[in-house]
């Protein structure tokens, strides 16, 4: 049986932590930042952790 390939689109958007959680970058901080408030831009900074339900959906795509 051949190895399961990783979905490249998923591997570019999600990272697996040492404890098995999935991290991702929040959407909406790429452009048109002048019209967004400082508070909104501040909350878009950094990484977030996926919920348990979403993790189950994304985990097969990463196949690591």
Protein backbone atom coordinates (compact mmCIF):
# COMPACT_ATOMS: atom_id res chain seq x y z
CA UNK A 1 0.00 0.00 0.00
CA UNK A 2 1.47 3.41 -0.96
CA UNK A 3 2.20 6.09 1.60
CA UNK A 4 -0.45 8.73 2.22
CA UNK A 5 0.61 12.08 0.78
CA UNK A 6 0.37 15.33 2.69
CA UNK A 7 -2.03 17.93 1.27
CA UNK A 8 0.40 20.74 0.45
CA UNK A 9 -2.22 23.48 0.87
CA UNK A 10 -2.84 22.29 4.44
CA UNK A 11 0.86 21.95 5.25
CA UNK A 12 1.43 25.59 4.28
CA UNK A 13 -1.37 26.84 6.55
CA UNK A 14 -1.18 24.62 9.65
CA UNK A 15 1.60 23.58 12.03
CA UNK A 16 1.60 20.70 14.46
CA UNK A 17 2.86 21.36 18.00
CA UNK A 18 4.85 18.91 20.11
CA UNK A 19 1.71 18.05 22.07
CA UNK A 20 -0.31 17.30 18.94
CA UNK A 21 -2.31 20.51 18.70
CA UNK A 22 -2.68 22.37 15.40
CA UNK A 23 -1.61 26.01 15.13
CA UNK A 24 -2.61 28.45 12.40
CA UNK A 25 -2.23 32.13 11.52
CA UNK A 26 -5.37 34.23 11.76
CA UNK A 27 -6.88 35.56 8.54
CA UNK A 28 -7.42 39.23 7.74
CA UNK A 29 -4.01 40.72 8.55
CA UNK A 30 -2.53 40.66 5.06
CA UNK A 31 -3.70 43.90 3.46
CA UNK A 32 -6.10 46.88 3.79
CA UNK A 33 -4.74 47.50 7.28
CA UNK A 34 -5.24 51.27 7.28
CA UNK A 35 -9.00 50.98 7.75
CA UNK A 36 -8.72 48.42 10.58
CA UNK A 37 -8.41 49.57 14.17
CA UNK A 38 -5.25 49.02 16.22
CA UNK A 39 -7.16 46.70 18.55
CA UNK A 40 -8.33 44.58 15.63
CA UNK A 41 -4.82 44.36 14.14
CA UNK A 42 -3.36 43.51 17.54
CA UNK A 43 -5.78 40.61 17.99
CA UNK A 44 -4.89 39.30 14.52
CA UNK A 45 -1.20 39.02 15.46
CA UNK A 46 0.37 35.72 16.42
CA UNK A 47 -0.84 32.16 16.15
CA UNK A 48 -4.02 30.48 17.33
CA UNK A 49 -4.83 26.87 18.19
CA UNK A 50 -7.58 24.99 16.36
CA UNK A 51 -10.53 23.60 18.27
CA UNK A 52 -10.78 19.84 18.88
CA UNK A 53 -13.45 19.42 16.19
CA UNK A 54 -11.40 21.27 13.57
CA UNK A 55 -8.26 19.36 14.59
CA UNK A 56 -9.94 16.05 13.78
CA UNK A 57 -10.81 17.39 10.33
CA UNK A 58 -7.33 18.78 9.53
CA UNK A 59 -5.20 15.96 11.00
CA UNK A 60 -5.73 13.51 8.08
CA UNK A 61 -4.71 16.21 5.61
CA UNK A 62 -1.33 16.68 7.30
CA UNK A 63 -0.63 12.91 7.43
CA UNK A 64 2.58 13.27 9.43
